Amino acid sequence: MTLPFYNGLTGIGWAIEYLYQNHFIYGDTNEILADIDQKVLEYDFTQIKDLNLEKGLGGIVHYVIARLYTIQKEKKSNPFDYNFLSRLYKATKQLLEYKEKDSDSILIFIRFVSWFEQIDSINPPSIYDIVFLIIPNEYQVSKYVISLEGSAGVGLKLLFENLKTIEPTLINYK
């Protein structure tokens, strides 16, 4: 198993942190996630070309932030030493300064940089951090009124279209 977020270790680890913070599971996440933490610590993220959540640096930063939230909230020992966090900070800060780069994880990079620079605290893992609605260019939401025949209807249509493209086997077509 590898580190990618959608089908790898960082996604599994993030989900465990999410479930733990929302009281769906109990235990010591430092113990539960020790192996994943070690894999993340060993990973050379400075060579990552993909910056997105699914298979790139975005997924790693999402995982690290979820871990840091629990570690700080519960005053647990931090498996991520200052050297690792500093390297991750430099990588994300560079990406934010290099405006030509495109990523679906820019917001999470900003959150990490703000935390490292002690500008802001870390929020708990949220399902909204990993769920994206793909809006085609032809939809201009601002031109619709708020109704089922307007923007709400367009939103529902987009949700159903996105569900079909994400994982058709999860939808029961009866």
N, C-alpha and C. Protein backbone atom coordinates (compact mmCIF):
# COMPACT_ATOMS: atom_id res chain seq x y z
N MET A 1 0.85 -1.18 0.00
CA MET A 1 0.00 0.00 0.00
C MET A 1 0.89 1.24 0.00
N THR A 2 0.45 2.28 -0.70
CA THR A 2 1.26 3.48 -0.85
C THR A 2 0.62 4.67 -0.15
N LEU A 3 1.26 5.84 -0.28
CA LEU A 3 0.81 7.03 0.43
C LEU A 3 -0.35 7.80 -0.20
N PRO A 4 -0.72 7.62 -1.46
CA PRO A 4 -1.79 8.45 -2.02
C PRO A 4 -3.03 8.52 -1.13
N PHE A 5 -3.71 9.64 -1.20
CA PHE A 5 -4.82 9.91 -0.32
C PHE A 5 -6.06 9.07 -0.65
N TYR A 6 -6.48 9.04 -1.89
CA TYR A 6 -7.74 8.38 -2.23
C TYR A 6 -7.69 6.87 -2.12
N ASN A 7 -6.54 6.26 -2.34
CA ASN A 7 -6.46 4.80 -2.25
C ASN A 7 -5.17 4.35 -1.58
N GLY A 8 -4.73 5.11 -0.60
CA GLY A 8 -3.48 4.77 0.05
C GLY A 8 -3.48 5.09 1.54
N LEU A 9 -2.29 5.06 2.10
CA LEU A 9 -2.14 5.17 3.56
C LEU A 9 -2.55 6.52 4.13
N THR A 10 -2.23 7.63 3.44
CA THR A 10 -2.58 8.93 4.01
C THR A 10 -4.10 9.11 4.08
N GLY A 11 -4.82 8.58 3.12
CA GLY A 11 -6.27 8.66 3.15
C GLY A 11 -6.87 7.82 4.27
N ILE A 12 -6.31 6.63 4.46
CA ILE A 12 -6.76 5.77 5.55
C ILE A 12 -6.47 6.44 6.90
N GLY A 13 -5.26 6.99 7.04
CA GLY A 13 -4.89 7.67 8.28
C GLY A 13 -5.76 8.88 8.55
N TRP A 14 -6.02 9.68 7.51
CA TRP A 14 -6.88 10.85 7.66
C TRP A 14 -8.27 10.41 8.12
N ALA A 15 -8.80 9.35 7.51
CA ALA A 15 -10.13 8.86 7.86
C ALA A 15 -10.18 8.40 9.32
N ILE A 16 -9.12 7.75 9.77
CA ILE A 16 -9.06 7.32 11.17
C ILE A 16 -9.10 8.54 12.09
N GLU A 17 -8.32 9.56 11.76
CA GLU A 17 -8.34 10.80 12.57
C GLU A 17 -9.72 11.43 12.55
N TYR A 18 -10.34 11.48 11.39
CA TYR A 18 -11.68 12.06 11.27
C TYR A 18 -12.68 11.28 12.14
N LEU A 19 -12.66 9.96 12.03
CA LEU A 19 -13.57 9.13 12.82
C LEU A 19 -13.31 9.29 14.32
N TYR A 20 -12.04 9.37 14.69
CA TYR A 20 -11.67 9.55 16.09
C TYR A 20 -12.17 10.90 16.62
N GLN A 21 -11.93 11.96 15.89
CA GLN A 21 -12.34 13.29 16.34
C GLN A 21 -13.86 13.44 16.42
N ASN A 22 -14.58 12.64 15.64
CA ASN A 22 -16.04 12.70 15.66
C ASN A 22 -16.66 11.59 16.51
N HIS A 23 -15.82 10.95 17.33
CA HIS A 23 -16.25 9.95 18.33
C HIS A 23 -16.92 8.72 17.73
N PHE A 24 -16.51 8.35 16.52
CA PHE A 24 -16.99 7.11 15.92
C PHE A 24 -16.10 5.93 16.32
N ILE A 25 -14.85 6.22 16.63
CA ILE A 25 -13.91 5.19 17.09
C ILE A 25 -13.14 5.75 18.28
N TYR A 26 -12.54 4.85 19.04
CA TYR A 26 -11.77 5.25 20.22
C TYR A 26 -10.43 4.53 20.19
N GLY A 27 -9.47 5.08 20.91
CA GLY A 27 -8.15 4.48 20.99
C GLY A 27 -7.09 5.57 20.96
N ASP A 28 -5.87 5.17 20.92
CA ASP A 28 -4.75 6.10 20.86
C ASP A 28 -4.29 6.21 19.41
N THR A 29 -4.59 7.32 18.77
CA THR A 29 -4.25 7.47 17.36
C THR A 29 -2.74 7.50 17.13
N ASN A 30 -1.97 7.86 18.15
CA ASN A 30 -0.51 7.77 17.99
C ASN A 30 -0.07 6.32 17.81
N GLU A 31 -0.71 5.42 18.53
CA GLU A 31 -0.39 3.99 18.38
C GLU A 31 -0.97 3.44 17.08
N ILE A 32 -2.23 3.77 16.82
CA ILE A 32 -2.91 3.24 15.64
C ILE A 32 -2.21 3.67 14.35
N LEU A 33 -1.73 4.91 14.31
CA LEU A 33 -1.18 5.47 13.07
C LEU A 33 0.34 5.53 13.04
N ALA A 34 0.99 4.87 13.98
CA ALA A 34 2.46 4.93 14.07
C ALA A 34 3.14 4.47 12.77
N ASP A 35 2.65 3.40 12.16
CA ASP A 35 3.28 2.91 10.93
C ASP A 35 3.10 3.89 9.77
N ILE A 36 1.90 4.48 9.67
CA ILE A 36 1.67 5.46 8.61
C ILE A 36 2.53 6.70 8.85
N ASP A 37 2.59 7.15 10.11
CA ASP A 37 3.46 8.30 10.44
C ASP A 37 4.89 8.03 9.98
N GLN A 38 5.38 6.82 10.25
CA GLN A 38 6.76 6.47 9.87
C GLN A 38 6.94 6.52 8.37
N LYS A 39 5.97 6.01 7.60
CA LYS A 39 6.05 6.05 6.13
C LYS A 39 6.06 7.50 5.64
N VAL A 40 5.25 8.34 6.24
CA VAL A 40 5.21 9.76 5.85
C VAL A 40 6.54 10.42 6.16
N LEU A 41 7.11 10.12 7.32
CA LEU A 41 8.40 10.70 7.70
C LEU A 41 9.52 10.27 6.75
N GLU A 42 9.43 9.07 6.22
CA GLU A 42 10.47 8.55 5.32
C GLU A 42 10.31 9.03 3.88
N TYR A 43 9.14 9.55 3.53
CA TYR A 43 8.83 9.91 2.16
C TYR A 43 9.54 11.20 1.75
N ASP A 44 10.13 11.21 0.57
CA ASP A 44 10.81 12.41 0.07
C ASP A 44 9.81 13.25 -0.72
N PHE A 45 9.05 14.05 0.00
CA PHE A 45 8.01 14.86 -0.65
C PHE A 45 8.57 16.01 -1.47
N THR A 46 9.86 16.29 -1.35
CA THR A 46 10.46 17.36 -2.15
C THR A 46 10.55 16.97 -3.62
N GLN A 47 10.44 15.69 -3.92
CA GLN A 47 10.50 15.22 -5.31
C GLN A 47 9.12 15.00 -5.93
N ILE A 48 8.07 15.28 -5.19
CA ILE A 48 6.72 15.05 -5.68
C ILE A 48 6.39 16.08 -6.77
N LYS A 49 5.94 15.57 -7.90
CA LYS A 49 5.53 16.44 -9.01
C LYS A 49 4.04 16.76 -8.92
N ASP A 50 3.26 15.79 -8.42
CA ASP A 50 1.82 15.95 -8.28
C ASP A 50 1.54 16.68 -6.97
N LEU A 51 0.81 17.78 -7.06
CA LEU A 51 0.53 18.59 -5.88
C LEU A 51 -0.88 18.40 -5.34
N ASN A 52 -1.67 17.60 -6.01
CA ASN A 52 -3.08 17.46 -5.68
C ASN A 52 -3.34 16.49 -4.53
N LEU A 53 -4.59 16.50 -4.10
CA LEU A 53 -5.01 15.67 -2.97
C LEU A 53 -4.93 14.18 -3.28
N GLU A 54 -5.40 13.78 -4.42
CA GLU A 54 -5.56 12.36 -4.74
C GLU A 54 -4.27 11.56 -4.64
N LYS A 55 -3.20 12.01 -5.30
CA LYS A 55 -1.97 11.22 -5.35
C LYS A 55 -0.72 12.02 -5.01
N GLY A 56 -0.87 13.24 -4.57
CA GLY A 56 0.29 14.09 -4.41
C GLY A 56 0.51 14.67 -3.03
N LEU A 57 1.19 15.79 -3.02
CA LEU A 57 1.57 16.46 -1.79
C LEU A 57 0.35 16.91 -0.98
N GLY A 58 -0.73 17.27 -1.67
CA GLY A 58 -1.94 17.69 -0.96
C GLY A 58 -2.45 16.65 0.02
N GLY A 59 -2.41 15.38 -0.38
CA GLY A 59 -2.86 14.30 0.50
C GLY A 59 -1.97 14.14 1.71
N ILE A 60 -0.67 14.29 1.50
CA ILE A 60 0.27 14.17 2.62
C ILE A 60 0.04 15.30 3.62
N VAL A 61 -0.11 16.52 3.12
CA VAL A 61 -0.33 17.67 4.01
C VAL A 61 -1.67 17.54 4.73
N HIS A 62 -2.72 17.07 4.04
CA HIS A 62 -4.01 16.83 4.70
C HIS A 62 -3.84 15.87 5.86
N TYR A 63 -3.10 14.79 5.64
CA TYR A 63 -2.88 13.80 6.69
C TYR A 63 -2.11 14.41 7.87
N VAL A 64 -1.04 15.10 7.56
CA VAL A 64 -0.20 15.68 8.63
C VAL A 64 -1.01 16.68 9.45
N ILE A 65 -1.81 17.50 8.80
CA ILE A 65 -2.62 18.48 9.54
C ILE A 65 -3.64 17.78 10.43
N ALA A 66 -4.27 16.73 9.93
CA ALA A 66 -5.23 15.98 10.76
C ALA A 66 -4.53 15.40 11.98
N ARG A 67 -3.34 14.88 11.80
CA ARG A 67 -2.58 14.32 12.92
C ARG A 67 -2.19 15.43 13.91
N LEU A 68 -1.71 16.55 13.38
CA LEU A 68 -1.29 17.65 14.24
C LEU A 68 -2.45 18.18 15.09
N TYR A 69 -3.65 18.18 14.53
CA TYR A 69 -4.80 18.66 15.29
C TYR A 69 -5.00 17.82 16.55
N THR A 70 -5.01 16.50 16.39
CA THR A 70 -5.21 15.61 17.54
C THR A 70 -4.04 15.72 18.51
N ILE A 71 -2.84 15.75 17.97
CA ILE A 71 -1.64 15.83 18.82
C ILE A 71 -1.69 17.08 19.69
N GLN A 72 -2.04 18.21 19.10
CA GLN A 72 -2.10 19.46 19.87
C GLN A 72 -3.28 19.49 20.83
N LYS A 73 -4.44 19.06 20.36
CA LYS A 73 -5.65 19.09 21.19
C LYS A 73 -5.49 18.23 22.43
N GLU A 74 -4.87 17.06 22.27
CA GLU A 74 -4.76 16.13 23.38
C GLU A 74 -3.37 16.12 24.02
N LYS A 75 -2.53 17.03 23.59
CA LYS A 75 -1.18 17.18 24.13
C LYS A 75 -0.41 15.85 24.10
N LYS A 76 -0.48 15.19 22.94
CA LYS A 76 0.23 13.93 22.74
C LYS A 76 1.63 14.20 22.21
N SER A 77 2.49 13.20 22.29
CA SER A 77 3.82 13.35 21.71
C SER A 77 3.68 13.45 20.18
N ASN A 78 4.53 14.28 19.59
CA ASN A 78 4.45 14.55 18.16
C ASN A 78 5.46 13.68 17.41
N PRO A 79 4.98 12.76 16.55
CA PRO A 79 5.91 11.92 15.79
C PRO A 79 6.64 12.70 14.69
N PHE A 80 6.11 13.87 14.33
CA PHE A 80 6.71 14.69 13.27
C PHE A 80 7.68 15.69 13.90
N ASP A 81 8.98 15.41 13.76
CA ASP A 81 9.97 16.29 14.37
C ASP A 81 10.05 17.63 13.64
N TYR A 82 10.74 18.57 14.26
CA TYR A 82 10.84 19.92 13.71
C TYR A 82 11.49 19.91 12.33
N ASN A 83 12.47 19.07 12.12
CA ASN A 83 13.16 18.99 10.83
C ASN A 83 12.17 18.61 9.72
N PHE A 84 11.35 17.59 9.97
CA PHE A 84 10.34 17.17 8.98
C PHE A 84 9.35 18.29 8.71
N LEU A 85 8.80 18.88 9.78
CA LEU A 85 7.81 19.94 9.62
C LEU A 85 8.40 21.15 8.91
N SER A 86 9.66 21.44 9.19
CA SER A 86 10.33 22.55 8.53
C SER A 86 10.49 22.30 7.03
N ARG A 87 10.87 21.07 6.65
CA ARG A 87 11.00 20.73 5.23
C ARG A 87 9.64 20.79 4.52
N LEU A 88 8.62 20.32 5.20
CA LEU A 88 7.27 20.37 4.63
C LEU A 88 6.81 21.82 4.48
N TYR A 89 7.12 22.63 5.47
CA TYR A 89 6.80 24.06 5.41
C TYR A 89 7.48 24.73 4.21
N LYS A 90 8.77 24.48 4.05
CA LYS A 90 9.50 25.10 2.94
C LYS A 90 8.93 24.67 1.59
N ALA A 91 8.56 23.41 1.47
CA ALA A 91 8.00 22.91 0.21
C ALA A 91 6.65 23.56 -0.09
N THR A 92 5.78 23.64 0.92
CA THR A 92 4.46 24.24 0.70
C THR A 92 4.55 25.74 0.51
N LYS A 93 5.42 26.39 1.24
CA LYS A 93 5.60 27.84 1.11
C LYS A 93 6.09 28.18 -0.30
N GLN A 94 7.03 27.41 -0.82
CA GLN A 94 7.53 27.63 -2.18
C GLN A 94 6.41 27.48 -3.20
N LEU A 95 5.58 26.49 -3.01
CA LEU A 95 4.46 26.28 -3.94
C LEU A 95 3.51 27.46 -3.94
N LEU A 96 3.26 28.01 -2.76
CA LEU A 96 2.35 29.14 -2.67
C LEU A 96 2.95 30.39 -3.32
N GLU A 97 4.26 30.53 -3.24
CA GLU A 97 4.93 31.69 -3.84
C GLU A 97 5.05 31.55 -5.35
N TYR A 98 5.06 30.31 -5.87
CA TYR A 98 5.19 30.06 -7.29
C TYR A 98 3.78 29.98 -7.88
N LYS A 99 3.26 31.09 -8.31
CA LYS A 99 1.86 31.23 -8.70
C LYS A 99 1.47 30.44 -9.95
N GLU A 100 2.44 29.91 -10.68
CA GLU A 100 2.14 29.16 -11.90
C GLU A 100 1.63 27.75 -11.58
N LYS A 101 1.92 27.25 -10.40
CA LYS A 101 1.50 25.90 -10.01
C LYS A 101 0.00 25.88 -9.74
N ASP A 102 -0.64 24.79 -10.13
CA ASP A 102 -2.06 24.62 -9.93
C ASP A 102 -2.29 23.36 -9.09
N SER A 103 -3.16 23.46 -8.09
CA SER A 103 -3.42 22.32 -7.22
C SER A 103 -4.79 22.49 -6.58
N ASP A 104 -5.46 21.38 -6.33
CA ASP A 104 -6.72 21.42 -5.60
C ASP A 104 -6.48 21.52 -4.09
N SER A 105 -5.22 21.59 -3.69
CA SER A 105 -4.88 21.60 -2.27
C SER A 105 -4.26 22.91 -1.79
N ILE A 106 -4.41 23.97 -2.56
CA ILE A 106 -3.82 25.26 -2.19
C ILE A 106 -4.30 25.70 -0.80
N LEU A 107 -5.59 25.53 -0.53
CA LEU A 107 -6.12 25.94 0.77
C LEU A 107 -5.46 25.18 1.92
N ILE A 108 -5.23 23.89 1.75
CA ILE A 108 -4.60 23.11 2.81
C ILE A 108 -3.14 23.51 2.97
N PHE A 109 -2.47 23.88 1.86
CA PHE A 109 -1.09 24.39 1.95
C PHE A 109 -1.08 25.70 2.75
N ILE A 110 -2.04 26.56 2.48
CA ILE A 110 -2.14 27.84 3.22
C ILE A 110 -2.37 27.57 4.70
N ARG A 111 -3.24 26.62 5.02
CA ARG A 111 -3.50 26.29 6.43
C ARG A 111 -2.24 25.79 7.13
N PHE A 112 -1.48 24.94 6.44
CA PHE A 112 -0.26 24.42 7.05
C PHE A 112 0.76 25.53 7.25
N VAL A 113 0.97 26.35 6.25
CA VAL A 113 1.94 27.46 6.35
C VAL A 113 1.51 28.41 7.47
N SER A 114 0.22 28.73 7.55
CA SER A 114 -0.28 29.62 8.61
C SER A 114 -0.06 29.02 9.99
N TRP A 115 -0.24 27.70 10.11
CA TRP A 115 0.01 27.04 11.40
C TRP A 115 1.50 27.09 11.73
N PHE A 116 2.35 26.75 10.78
CA PHE A 116 3.79 26.70 11.03
C PHE A 116 4.32 28.08 11.40
N GLU A 117 3.79 29.12 10.76
CA GLU A 117 4.22 30.49 11.06
C GLU A 117 3.52 31.04 12.29
N GLN A 118 2.72 30.23 12.96
CA GLN A 118 1.98 30.57 14.17
C GLN A 118 1.02 31.74 13.96
N ILE A 119 0.44 31.79 12.77
CA ILE A 119 -0.55 32.80 12.44
C ILE A 119 -1.95 32.31 12.80
N ASP A 120 -2.16 31.02 12.63
CA ASP A 120 -3.48 30.45 12.84
C ASP A 120 -3.35 29.06 13.46
N SER A 121 -4.42 28.61 14.09
CA SER A 121 -4.42 27.25 14.66
C SER A 121 -5.00 26.29 13.62
N ILE A 122 -4.86 25.01 13.90
CA ILE A 122 -5.37 23.98 13.00
C ILE A 122 -6.79 23.61 13.41
N ASN A 123 -7.64 23.47 12.42
CA ASN A 123 -9.02 23.04 12.66
C ASN A 123 -9.11 21.52 12.60
N PRO A 124 -10.15 20.96 13.20
CA PRO A 124 -10.30 19.50 13.13
C PRO A 124 -10.54 19.04 11.69
N PRO A 125 -10.22 17.78 11.39
CA PRO A 125 -10.47 17.27 10.05
C PRO A 125 -11.96 17.40 9.72
N SER A 126 -12.25 17.85 8.52
CA SER A 126 -13.63 18.04 8.08
C SER A 126 -13.85 17.30 6.76
N ILE A 127 -14.99 16.69 6.65
CA ILE A 127 -15.33 15.98 5.41
C ILE A 127 -15.34 16.95 4.24
N TYR A 128 -15.61 18.22 4.49
CA TYR A 128 -15.64 19.22 3.43
C TYR A 128 -14.25 19.51 2.87
N ASP A 129 -13.21 19.12 3.58
CA ASP A 129 -11.84 19.31 3.08
C ASP A 129 -11.52 18.34 1.95
N ILE A 130 -12.26 17.26 1.84
CA ILE A 130 -11.91 16.26 0.84
C ILE A 130 -13.00 16.01 -0.20
N VAL A 131 -14.14 16.68 -0.08
CA VAL A 131 -15.23 16.51 -1.03
C VAL A 131 -15.29 17.74 -1.92
N PHE A 132 -15.19 17.51 -3.21
CA PHE A 132 -15.20 18.60 -4.17
C PHE A 132 -16.33 18.41 -5.16
N LEU A 133 -17.01 19.48 -5.48
CA LEU A 133 -18.04 19.46 -6.50
C LEU A 133 -17.45 20.04 -7.78
N ILE A 134 -17.44 19.24 -8.82
CA ILE A 134 -16.89 19.68 -10.10
C ILE A 134 -17.96 20.49 -10.82
N ILE A 135 -17.69 21.78 -11.04
CA ILE A 135 -18.64 22.66 -11.71
C ILE A 135 -18.14 22.96 -13.11
N PRO A 136 -18.88 22.50 -14.13
CA PRO A 136 -18.46 22.77 -15.50
C PRO A 136 -18.46 24.27 -15.80
N ASN A 137 -17.63 24.68 -16.73
CA ASN A 137 -17.49 26.11 -17.07
C ASN A 137 -18.79 26.72 -17.55
N GLU A 138 -19.67 25.94 -18.21
CA GLU A 138 -20.89 26.52 -18.76
C GLU A 138 -21.91 26.92 -17.69
N TYR A 139 -21.76 26.40 -16.46
CA TYR A 139 -22.66 26.80 -15.38
C TYR A 139 -22.14 28.08 -14.73
N GLN A 140 -22.96 29.09 -14.77
CA GLN A 140 -22.64 30.33 -14.07
C GLN A 140 -23.68 30.48 -12.96
N VAL A 141 -23.33 29.99 -11.79
CA VAL A 141 -24.28 29.90 -10.67
C VAL A 141 -24.89 31.25 -10.35
N SER A 142 -24.14 32.34 -10.50
CA SER A 142 -24.63 33.66 -10.14
C SER A 142 -25.82 34.12 -10.99
N LYS A 143 -26.02 33.53 -12.17
CA LYS A 143 -27.14 33.97 -13.02
C LYS A 143 -28.46 33.30 -12.66
N TYR A 144 -28.44 32.33 -11.74
CA TYR A 144 -29.65 31.62 -11.36
C TYR A 144 -30.22 32.19 -10.06
N VAL A 145 -31.55 32.15 -9.93
CA VAL A 145 -32.20 32.54 -8.67
C VAL A 145 -32.13 31.36 -7.71
N ILE A 146 -32.33 31.62 -6.44
CA ILE A 146 -32.28 30.55 -5.45
C ILE A 146 -33.64 29.87 -5.40
N SER A 147 -33.76 28.76 -6.09
CA SER A 147 -34.97 27.95 -6.12
C SER A 147 -34.63 26.60 -6.73
N LEU A 148 -35.58 25.67 -6.67
CA LEU A 148 -35.34 24.37 -7.29
C LEU A 148 -35.25 24.48 -8.81
N GLU A 149 -35.88 25.51 -9.36
CA GLU A 149 -35.76 25.73 -10.81
C GLU A 149 -34.55 26.59 -11.14
N GLY A 150 -33.84 27.04 -10.12
CA GLY A 150 -32.67 27.90 -10.33
C GLY A 150 -31.40 27.25 -9.81
N SER A 151 -30.68 27.97 -8.94
CA SER A 151 -29.36 27.50 -8.49
C SER A 151 -29.43 26.22 -7.67
N ALA A 152 -30.48 26.04 -6.87
CA ALA A 152 -30.60 24.80 -6.10
C ALA A 152 -30.79 23.60 -7.03
N GLY A 153 -31.59 23.77 -8.07
CA GLY A 153 -31.79 22.70 -9.04
C GLY A 153 -30.50 22.38 -9.79
N VAL A 154 -29.76 23.43 -10.16
CA VAL A 154 -28.47 23.23 -10.83
C VAL A 154 -27.52 22.49 -9.89
N GLY A 155 -27.52 22.87 -8.61
CA GLY A 155 -26.66 22.21 -7.63
C GLY A 155 -26.99 20.73 -7.49
N LEU A 156 -28.28 20.40 -7.41
CA LEU A 156 -28.68 18.99 -7.32
C LEU A 156 -28.27 18.22 -8.57
N LYS A 157 -28.46 18.83 -9.73
CA LYS A 157 -28.06 18.18 -10.98
C LYS A 157 -26.56 17.91 -10.98
N LEU A 158 -25.77 18.90 -10.55
CA LEU A 158 -24.31 18.73 -10.49
C LEU A 158 -23.91 17.64 -9.51
N LEU A 159 -24.60 17.57 -8.36
CA LEU A 159 -24.30 16.52 -7.39
C LEU A 159 -24.51 15.14 -7.99
N PHE A 160 -25.65 14.96 -8.65
CA PHE A 160 -25.92 13.66 -9.26
C PHE A 160 -24.93 13.33 -10.37
N GLU A 161 -24.56 14.33 -11.18
CA GLU A 161 -23.57 14.11 -12.24
C GLU A 161 -22.22 13.74 -11.64
N ASN A 162 -21.84 14.42 -10.56
CA ASN A 162 -20.56 14.14 -9.90
C ASN A 162 -20.56 12.76 -9.28
N LEU A 163 -21.67 12.35 -8.67
CA LEU A 163 -21.74 11.01 -8.08
C LEU A 163 -21.53 9.95 -9.14
N LYS A 164 -22.09 10.14 -10.32
CA LYS A 164 -21.94 9.16 -11.40
C LYS A 164 -20.49 9.05 -11.85
N THR A 165 -19.77 10.17 -11.87
CA THR A 165 -18.38 10.12 -12.34
C THR A 165 -17.42 9.65 -11.26
N ILE A 166 -17.78 9.83 -9.99
CA ILE A 166 -16.87 9.46 -8.91
C ILE A 166 -16.85 7.94 -8.73
N GLU A 167 -17.98 7.32 -8.53
CA GLU A 167 -18.00 5.89 -8.27
C GLU A 167 -19.38 5.34 -8.62
N PRO A 168 -19.59 4.98 -9.88
CA PRO A 168 -20.90 4.49 -10.30
C PRO A 168 -21.42 3.29 -9.49
N THR A 169 -20.52 2.47 -8.98
CA THR A 169 -20.97 1.28 -8.24
C THR A 169 -21.57 1.62 -6.90
N LEU A 170 -21.36 2.84 -6.40
CA LEU A 170 -21.91 3.22 -5.10
C LEU A 170 -23.36 3.67 -5.22
N ILE A 171 -23.81 3.98 -6.43
CA ILE A 171 -25.16 4.48 -6.63
C ILE A 171 -26.07 3.33 -7.02
N ASN A 172 -27.19 3.22 -6.33
CA ASN A 172 -28.14 2.15 -6.62
C ASN A 172 -29.17 2.69 -7.62
N TYR A 173 -29.09 2.25 -8.85
CA TYR A 173 -30.01 2.72 -9.90
C TYR A 173 -31.20 1.79 -9.99
N LYS A 174 -32.20 2.00 -9.19
CA LYS A 174 -33.43 1.19 -9.25
C LYS A 174 -34.55 2.00 -9.86
